Protein backbone atom coordinates (compact mmCIF):
# COMPACT_ATOMS: atom_id res chain seq x y z
CA MET A 1 -0.06 -0.16 -0.25
CA ASP A 2 1.53 3.38 -1.02
CA ALA A 3 1.38 6.39 1.23
CA ARG A 4 -1.56 8.00 -0.03
CA SER A 5 -3.12 4.77 -0.06
CA ILE A 6 -2.49 4.60 3.40
CA ILE A 7 -3.51 8.39 4.44
CA GLY A 8 -6.82 6.98 2.88
CA TRP A 9 -7.74 4.23 4.33
CA ASN A 10 -7.06 5.98 7.91
CA LEU A 11 -8.60 9.71 7.05
CA ARG A 12 -11.66 7.51 6.24
CA ARG A 13 -11.19 5.01 9.55
CA LEU A 14 -11.29 8.28 11.76
CA ARG A 15 -13.58 10.17 10.17
CA VAL A 16 -15.82 7.24 10.34
CA ALA A 17 -15.31 6.30 14.03
CA GLN A 18 -16.14 9.86 14.86
CA GLY A 19 -19.20 9.85 12.67
CA LEU A 20 -17.98 12.94 10.76
CA SER A 21 -19.72 12.98 7.10
CA GLN A 22 -16.91 14.17 4.23
CA GLU A 23 -18.76 18.02 4.41
CA ARG A 24 -18.47 18.07 7.84
CA LEU A 25 -14.69 17.08 8.50
CA ALA A 26 -13.77 19.17 5.03
CA LEU A 27 -15.74 21.99 7.24
CA ALA A 28 -13.46 21.67 10.66
CA ALA A 29 -10.03 21.62 8.16
CA GLY A 30 -10.79 24.19 6.19
CA ILE A 31 -10.64 22.48 2.94
CA ASP A 32 -12.88 21.41 0.14
CA ARG A 33 -15.83 18.58 0.22
CA ALA A 34 -14.63 17.13 -2.80
CA TYR A 35 -10.63 17.28 -1.93
CA VAL A 36 -11.38 15.33 1.12
CA GLY A 37 -12.80 12.32 -1.52
CA ARG A 38 -10.38 12.05 -3.48
CA VAL A 39 -7.62 12.12 -0.29
CA GLU A 40 -9.78 9.25 0.84
CA ARG A 41 -9.08 7.56 -2.88
CA GLY A 42 -6.03 7.68 -2.76
CA SER A 43 -5.53 9.87 -5.37
CA GLU A 44 -4.73 13.15 -3.75
CA ASN A 45 -1.07 13.93 -2.78
CA VAL A 46 -1.58 16.07 0.05
CA THR A 47 0.14 18.76 1.50
CA ILE A 48 1.96 18.24 5.49
CA THR A 49 -0.20 21.80 5.81
CA THR A 50 -3.24 19.62 5.36
CA LEU A 51 -2.26 16.75 6.95
CA GLU A 52 -2.38 18.69 10.12
CA ALA A 53 -5.63 20.63 9.47
CA MET A 54 -7.46 17.12 9.08
CA ALA A 55 -5.66 15.82 11.77
CA THR A 56 -6.40 18.49 13.91
CA ALA A 57 -9.68 18.63 12.98
CA LEU A 58 -9.73 14.92 13.54
CA ALA A 59 -8.27 15.47 17.24
CA VAL A 60 -5.49 12.69 16.44
CA PRO A 61 -1.73 13.30 15.90
CA ILE A 62 -0.85 13.71 12.32
CA ALA A 63 1.60 10.06 13.22
CA VAL A 64 -1.99 8.34 13.24
CA LEU A 65 -2.80 9.47 9.69
CA LEU A 66 0.91 7.00 8.50
CA ILE A 67 -0.12 4.26 10.47
CA ALA A 68 -0.06 1.69 7.74
CA PRO A 69 -3.21 -0.93 8.68
CA GLU A 70 -2.67 -4.37 9.31
CA PRO A 71 -2.26 -6.98 6.49
CA GLY A 72 -5.66 -8.19 5.69
CA ALA A 73 -7.44 -5.66 7.58
CA ALA A 74 -11.44 -4.90 5.78
CA GLN A 75 -12.38 -1.66 4.13
CA PRO A 76 -13.30 1.37 6.53
CA MET A 77 -16.95 0.74 5.96
CA PRO A 78 -18.81 4.35 5.48
CA LEU A 79 -21.32 6.54 6.82
CA ARG A 80 -25.07 5.41 7.08
CA ALA A 81 -26.39 7.49 4.30
CA GLY A 82 -28.91 9.98 4.62
CA ARG A 83 -30.01 12.88 7.92
CA ARG A 84 -29.03 11.87 11.41
CA PRO A 85 -31.91 11.74 13.63
CA ARG A 86 -32.68 14.76 15.80
CA SER A 87 -31.68 13.86 19.22
CA THR A 88 -34.48 16.46 21.07
CA PRO A 89 -37.84 16.93 19.34
CA PRO A 90 -37.53 20.68 17.75
CA GLY A 91 -39.25 23.85 19.47
């Protein structure tokens, strides 16, 4: 697995574990949502500044994004589509 794929794998794994959409992560990191998707697919060369912004938004050290997954690890699952249910009724 190359470095771009490792970063994308970890980014998606951490984002989904925290229940963040690509859009919410992008907003928190100050980057474009489509860019987050390209990074997760491993098709984008990421700068250290962007890595730092994403790691900060995820509240993890940058190094966590660079750790190779265990051999045979399953792909990180996507978030369930659709909006989250409201926790409290409006009003």
